[in-house]
Amino acid sequence: MLTAGSAAPDLDLPVTTIDGESTTLRAMANGNALLVILLKTSCKSCKIGLPFASTLQKQLGDAPLTIVAVSQDSPNVTRSFKRRSEVDLPFVLDPDPFPMSQSYAIEATPSWFLIDPSGEIKQTALGVFHQPLNDLLGAIADLVPGAPRLTFSDIDPELPAFVPACPSKHLEPVFRS
């Protein structure tokens, strides 16, 4: 998994939204900081983490941070997940052979990457764990003008302390061997 201080790859890679529109992560960020969350919809941690991220976006209000969910699943499966989970975030697709998952060197989902407007990764997190999420929220407050200093309990006081991440789809054949 890429670490803080690394250049974020693929910001200009053409991606497709779940509605079939072509764009890039840089265009979606529109000059703002960016929180990229790579996920697969069958992952229990993603089913908890994405609603958390959606609530975070609402609590940030007009603070200049764009949160984008990057799904390893098909458009139909991803749309269904978004609707069932009541997640109000933009989704783009990372289809097989999962080029974005590979370039970010993720091993599991959800993988969280906070990227500054210049394209540098400032903070990462994996899965849904209290302390890494608090570290991520602190980095958001430090990076994003007007972002409040939040903790996980400000967003979801009932968030489980530990929800392990799930193997990334691009590695699943390795785990089956």
C-alpha atoms as a PDB file:
ATOM      1  CA  MET A   1       0.000   0.000   0.000  1.00  0.00           C
ATOM      2  CA  LEU A   2       1.386   3.382  -0.922  1.00  0.00           C
ATOM      3  CA  THR A   3       2.326   5.505   2.071  1.00  0.00           C
ATOM      4  CA  ALA A   4       2.170   9.150   3.091  1.00  0.00           C
ATOM      5  CA  GLY A   5       4.674  11.216   1.141  1.00  0.00           C
ATOM      6  CA  SER A   6       4.196   9.208  -2.063  1.00  0.00           C
ATOM      7  CA  ALA A   7       2.819  10.799  -5.201  1.00  0.00           C
ATOM      8  CA  ALA A   8      -0.753   9.699  -5.808  1.00  0.00           C
ATOM      9  CA  PRO A   9      -0.889   7.709  -9.044  1.00  0.00           C
ATOM     10  CA  ASP A  10      -3.641   7.741 -11.643  1.00  0.00           C
ATOM     11  CA  LEU A  11      -5.086  11.169 -10.854  1.00  0.00           C
ATOM     12  CA  ASP A  12      -5.314  11.747 -14.606  1.00  0.00           C
ATOM     13  CA  LEU A  13      -6.267   8.185 -15.557  1.00  0.00           C
ATOM     14  CA  PRO A  14      -9.654   8.149 -17.289  1.00  0.00           C
ATOM     15  CA  VAL A  15     -12.211   6.535 -14.988  1.00  0.00           C
ATOM     16  CA  THR A  16     -15.875   5.775 -15.501  1.00  0.00           C
ATOM     17  CA  THR A  17     -18.572   6.733 -13.013  1.00  0.00           C
ATOM     18  CA  ILE A  18     -21.301   4.259 -12.165  1.00  0.00           C
ATOM     19  CA  ASP A  19     -23.515   6.272 -14.508  1.00  0.00           C
ATOM     20  CA  GLY A  20     -21.156   5.686 -17.449  1.00  0.00           C
ATOM     21  CA  GLU A  21     -19.563   9.152 -17.572  1.00  0.00           C
ATOM     22  CA  SER A  22     -15.820   9.449 -18.239  1.00  0.00           C
ATOM     23  CA  THR A  23     -13.759  11.654 -15.905  1.00  0.00           C
ATOM     24  CA  THR A  24     -10.538  11.650 -13.851  1.00  0.00           C
ATOM     25  CA  LEU A  25      -9.934  11.838 -10.114  1.00  0.00           C
ATOM     26  CA  ARG A  26      -8.188  15.188 -10.643  1.00  0.00           C
ATOM     27  CA  ALA A  27     -11.265  16.579 -12.426  1.00  0.00           C
ATOM     28  CA  MET A  28     -13.520  15.275  -9.651  1.00  0.00           C
ATOM     29  CA  ALA A  29     -11.329  16.949  -7.009  1.00  0.00           C
ATOM     30  CA  ASN A  30     -11.613  20.265  -8.866  1.00  0.00           C
ATOM     31  CA  GLY A  31      -8.573  21.688  -7.068  1.00  0.00           C
ATOM     32  CA  ASN A  32      -9.623  20.372  -3.647  1.00  0.00           C
ATOM     33  CA  ALA A  33      -7.978  17.817  -1.415  1.00  0.00           C
ATOM     34  CA  LEU A  34      -9.178  14.320  -2.246  1.00  0.00           C
ATOM     35  CA  LEU A  35     -10.068  11.299  -0.134  1.00  0.00           C
ATOM     36  CA  VAL A  36      -9.981   8.183  -2.318  1.00  0.00           C
ATOM     37  CA  ILE A  37     -11.496   5.009  -0.877  1.00  0.00           C
ATOM     38  CA  LEU A  38     -10.870   1.782  -2.792  1.00  0.00           C
ATOM     39  CA  LEU A  39     -13.516  -0.818  -2.009  1.00  0.00           C
ATOM     40  CA  LYS A  40     -15.403  -3.919  -2.968  1.00  0.00           C
ATOM     41  CA  THR A  41     -19.094  -4.062  -2.200  1.00  0.00           C
ATOM     42  CA  SER A  42     -19.072  -7.554  -0.627  1.00  0.00           C
ATOM     43  CA  CYS A  43     -16.606  -6.464   2.062  1.00  0.00           C
ATOM     44  CA  LYS A  44     -18.089  -6.083   5.564  1.00  0.00           C
ATOM     45  CA  SER A  45     -15.612  -3.346   6.425  1.00  0.00           C
ATOM     46  CA  CYS A  46     -16.625  -1.426   3.268  1.00  0.00           C
ATOM     47  CA  LYS A  47     -20.301  -1.789   4.203  1.00  0.00           C
ATOM     48  CA  ILE A  48     -19.459   0.070   7.430  1.00  0.00           C
ATOM     49  CA  GLY A  49     -16.732   2.390   6.124  1.00  0.00           C
ATOM     50  CA  LEU A  50     -18.586   3.892   3.153  1.00  0.00           C
ATOM     51  CA  PRO A  51     -21.614   5.103   5.144  1.00  0.00           C
ATOM     52  CA  PHE A  52     -19.072   6.513   7.628  1.00  0.00           C
ATOM     53  CA  ALA A  53     -17.363   8.406   4.771  1.00  0.00           C
ATOM     54  CA  SER A  54     -20.720   9.650   3.485  1.00  0.00           C
ATOM     55  CA  THR A  55     -21.580  11.026   6.922  1.00  0.00           C
ATOM     56  CA  LEU A  56     -18.116  12.597   7.114  1.00  0.00           C
ATOM     57  CA  GLN A  57     -18.736  14.411   3.811  1.00  0.00           C
ATOM     58  CA  LYS A  58     -21.986  15.837   5.207  1.00  0.00           C
ATOM     59  CA  GLN A  59     -20.293  16.962   8.430  1.00  0.00           C
ATOM     60  CA  LEU A  60     -17.528  18.692   6.475  1.00  0.00           C
ATOM     61  CA  GLY A  61     -20.108  20.884   4.759  1.00  0.00           C
ATOM     62  CA  ASP A  62     -18.400  23.282   2.359  1.00  0.00           C
ATOM     63  CA  ALA A  63     -14.844  22.384   3.410  1.00  0.00           C
ATOM     64  CA  PRO A  64     -12.817  21.796   0.226  1.00  0.00           C
ATOM     65  CA  LEU A  65     -12.470  17.993   0.351  1.00  0.00           C
ATOM     66  CA  THR A  66     -13.822  15.671  -2.320  1.00  0.00           C
ATOM     67  CA  ILE A  67     -14.469  12.069  -1.258  1.00  0.00           C
ATOM     68  CA  VAL A  68     -14.547   9.518  -4.082  1.00  0.00           C
ATOM     69  CA  ALA A  69     -15.379   5.822  -3.731  1.00  0.00           C
ATOM     70  CA  VAL A  70     -13.528   3.571  -6.187  1.00  0.00           C
ATOM     71  CA  SER A  71     -15.360   0.271  -6.616  1.00  0.00           C
ATOM     72  CA  GLN A  72     -13.850  -3.002  -7.792  1.00  0.00           C
ATOM     73  CA  ASP A  73     -17.339  -4.194  -8.767  1.00  0.00           C
ATOM     74  CA  SER A  74     -19.599  -3.768 -11.801  1.00  0.00           C
ATOM     75  CA  PRO A  75     -21.718  -0.647 -12.302  1.00  0.00           C
ATOM     76  CA  ASN A  76     -24.954  -2.508 -11.424  1.00  0.00           C
ATOM     77  CA  VAL A  77     -23.565  -4.100  -8.264  1.00  0.00           C
ATOM     78  CA  THR A  78     -22.025  -0.771  -7.204  1.00  0.00           C
ATOM     79  CA  ARG A  79     -25.256   1.187  -7.815  1.00  0.00           C
ATOM     80  CA  SER A  80     -27.166  -1.372  -5.740  1.00  0.00           C
ATOM     81  CA  PHE A  81     -24.592  -1.092  -2.926  1.00  0.00           C
ATOM     82  CA  LYS A  82     -24.783   2.705  -3.012  1.00  0.00           C
ATOM     83  CA  ARG A  83     -28.577   2.648  -2.832  1.00  0.00           C
ATOM     84  CA  ARG A  84     -28.815  -0.047  -0.108  1.00  0.00           C
ATOM     85  CA  SER A  85     -26.100   1.600   2.002  1.00  0.00           C
ATOM     86  CA  GLU A  86     -27.542   5.102   1.515  1.00  0.00           C
ATOM     87  CA  VAL A  87     -24.094   6.390   0.586  1.00  0.00           C
ATOM     88  CA  ASP A  88     -24.178   9.871  -0.923  1.00  0.00           C
ATOM     89  CA  LEU A  89     -20.723   9.950  -2.527  1.00  0.00           C
ATOM     90  CA  PRO A  90     -19.531   9.831  -6.121  1.00  0.00           C
ATOM     91  CA  PHE A  91     -18.460   6.360  -7.258  1.00  0.00           C
ATOM     92  CA  VAL A  92     -16.065   5.432 -10.050  1.00  0.00           C
ATOM     93  CA  LEU A  93     -15.127   1.970 -11.253  1.00  0.00           C
ATOM     94  CA  ASP A  94     -11.844   0.060 -11.091  1.00  0.00           C
ATOM     95  CA  PRO A  95     -12.662  -2.882 -13.378  1.00  0.00           C
ATOM     96  CA  ASP A  96     -10.683  -6.097 -13.795  1.00  0.00           C
ATOM     97  CA  PRO A  97      -7.630  -6.124 -13.967  1.00  0.00           C
ATOM     98  CA  PHE A  98      -8.061  -3.370 -11.342  1.00  0.00           C
ATOM     99  CA  PRO A  99      -5.434  -0.853 -12.529  1.00  0.00           C
ATOM    100  CA  MET A 100      -6.092   1.660  -9.763  1.00  0.00           C
ATOM    101  CA  SER A 101      -5.953  -0.985  -7.026  1.00  0.00           C
ATOM    102  CA  GLN A 102      -2.653  -2.149  -8.482  1.00  0.00           C
ATOM    103  CA  SER A 103      -1.127   1.317  -8.817  1.00  0.00           C
ATOM    104  CA  TYR A 104      -2.045   2.190  -5.202  1.00  0.00           C
ATOM    105  CA  ALA A 105      -0.584  -1.210  -4.212  1.00  0.00           C
ATOM    106  CA  ILE A 106      -3.532  -2.069  -2.010  1.00  0.00           C
ATOM    107  CA  GLU A 107      -3.805  -5.460  -0.396  1.00  0.00           C
ATOM    108  CA  ALA A 108      -7.229  -5.067   1.146  1.00  0.00           C
ATOM    109  CA  THR A 109     -10.369  -2.946   1.147  1.00  0.00           C
ATOM    110  CA  PRO A 110     -11.325  -0.406   2.156  1.00  0.00           C
ATOM    111  CA  SER A 111      -8.055   1.397   1.546  1.00  0.00           C
ATOM    112  CA  TRP A 112      -8.220   5.130   2.311  1.00  0.00           C
ATOM    113  CA  PHE A 113      -5.880   7.726   0.755  1.00  0.00           C
ATOM    114  CA  LEU A 114      -5.947  11.422   1.692  1.00  0.00           C
ATOM    115  CA  ILE A 115      -4.348  13.365  -1.168  1.00  0.00           C
ATOM    116  CA  ASP A 116      -3.476  17.063  -1.114  1.00  0.00           C
ATOM    117  CA  PRO A 117      -4.293  19.323  -4.080  1.00  0.00           C
ATOM    118  CA  SER A 118      -0.732  18.931  -5.436  1.00  0.00           C
ATOM    119  CA  GLY A 119      -1.152  15.136  -5.625  1.00  0.00           C
ATOM    120  CA  GLU A 120       0.829  14.034  -2.563  1.00  0.00           C
ATOM    121  CA  ILE A 121      -0.600  11.321  -0.322  1.00  0.00           C
ATOM    122  CA  LYS A 122      -0.825  12.840   3.155  1.00  0.00           C
ATOM    123  CA  GLN A 123      -2.419   9.998   5.152  1.00  0.00           C
ATOM    124  CA  THR A 124      -3.622   6.452   4.611  1.00  0.00           C
ATOM    125  CA  ALA A 125      -5.827   3.999   6.482  1.00  0.00           C
ATOM    126  CA  LEU A 126      -6.886   0.417   5.993  1.00  0.00           C
ATOM    127  CA  GLY A 127     -10.150  -1.194   7.083  1.00  0.00           C
ATOM    128  CA  VAL A 128     -12.260   0.335   9.835  1.00  0.00           C
ATOM    129  CA  PHE A 129     -10.277   0.811  13.044  1.00  0.00           C
ATOM    130  CA  HIS A 130     -10.753   3.630  15.544  1.00  0.00           C
ATOM    131  CA  GLN A 131      -7.177   4.948  15.778  1.00  0.00           C
ATOM    132  CA  PRO A 132      -6.316   4.920  12.050  1.00  0.00           C
ATOM    133  CA  LEU A 133      -9.626   6.656  11.320  1.00  0.00           C
ATOM    134  CA  ASN A 134      -8.903   9.244  14.015  1.00  0.00           C
ATOM    135  CA  ASP A 135      -5.448   9.786  12.459  1.00  0.00           C
ATOM    136  CA  LEU A 136      -7.104  10.232   9.055  1.00  0.00           C
ATOM    137  CA  LEU A 137      -9.666  12.677  10.482  1.00  0.00           C
ATOM    138  CA  GLY A 138      -6.872  14.646  12.162  1.00  0.00           C
ATOM    139  CA  ALA A 139      -4.959  14.826   8.870  1.00  0.00           C
ATOM    140  CA  ILE A 140      -8.128  16.089   7.148  1.00  0.00           C
ATOM    141  CA  ALA A 141      -8.481  18.844   9.775  1.00  0.00           C
ATOM    142  CA  ASP A 142      -4.814  19.805   9.280  1.00  0.00           C
ATOM    143  CA  LEU A 143      -4.982  19.785   5.469  1.00  0.00           C
ATOM    144  CA  VAL A 144      -8.427  21.065   4.568  1.00  0.00           C
ATOM    145  CA  PRO A 145      -9.241  24.724   5.341  1.00  0.00           C
ATOM    146  CA  GLY A 146     -12.413  24.994   7.390  1.00  0.00           C
ATOM    147  CA  ALA A 147     -12.595  21.276   8.184  1.00  0.00           C
ATOM    148  CA  PRO A 148     -13.556  20.678  11.814  1.00  0.00           C
ATOM    149  CA  ARG A 149     -11.367  18.490  14.015  1.00  0.00           C
ATOM    150  CA  LEU A 150     -13.462  15.333  14.331  1.00  0.00           C
ATOM    151  CA  THR A 151     -13.036  11.878  15.825  1.00  0.00           C
ATOM    152  CA  PHE A 152     -14.766   8.687  14.739  1.00  0.00           C
ATOM    153  CA  SER A 153     -17.269   9.087  17.593  1.00  0.00           C
ATOM    154  CA  ASP A 154     -18.361  12.500  16.244  1.00  0.00           C
ATOM    155  CA  ILE A 155     -19.369  10.764  13.023  1.00  0.00           C
ATOM    156  CA  ASP A 156     -20.613   7.407  14.319  1.00  0.00           C
ATOM    157  CA  PRO A 157     -20.517   6.832  18.099  1.00  0.00           C
ATOM    158  CA  GLU A 158     -21.521   3.190  17.545  1.00  0.00           C
ATOM    159  CA  LEU A 159     -18.729   2.444  15.074  1.00  0.00           C
ATOM    160  CA  PRO A 160     -17.197  -0.951  15.935  1.00  0.00           C
ATOM    161  CA  ALA A 161     -13.646  -0.689  17.264  1.00  0.00           C
ATOM    162  CA  PHE A 162     -12.261  -3.163  14.756  1.00  0.00           C
ATOM    163  CA  VAL A 163     -13.658  -4.336  11.434  1.00  0.00           C
ATOM    164  CA  PRO A 164     -10.932  -6.130   9.496  1.00  0.00           C
ATOM    165  CA  ALA A 165     -10.280  -5.267   5.891  1.00  0.00           C
ATOM    166  CA  CYS A 166     -11.064  -7.744   3.100  1.00  0.00           C
ATOM    167  CA  PRO A 167      -8.601  -9.018   0.476  1.00  0.00           C
ATOM    168  CA  SER A 168      -8.564  -6.874  -2.655  1.00  0.00           C
ATOM    169  CA  LYS A 169     -10.133  -8.452  -5.752  1.00  0.00           C
ATOM    170  CA  HIS A 170      -6.923  -8.066  -7.741  1.00  0.00           C
ATOM    171  CA  LEU A 171      -5.205 -10.375  -5.214  1.00  0.00           C
ATOM    172  CA  GLU A 172      -8.001 -12.922  -4.761  1.00  0.00           C
ATOM    173  CA  PRO A 173      -6.462 -15.512  -7.139  1.00  0.00           C
ATOM    174  CA  VAL A 174      -3.342 -15.411  -4.940  1.00  0.00           C
ATOM    175  CA  PHE A 175      -5.433 -16.176  -1.832  1.00  0.00           C
ATOM    176  CA  ARG A 176      -7.190 -19.103  -3.548  1.00  0.00           C
ATOM    177  CA  SER A 177      -3.917 -20.860  -4.428  1.00  0.00           C
END
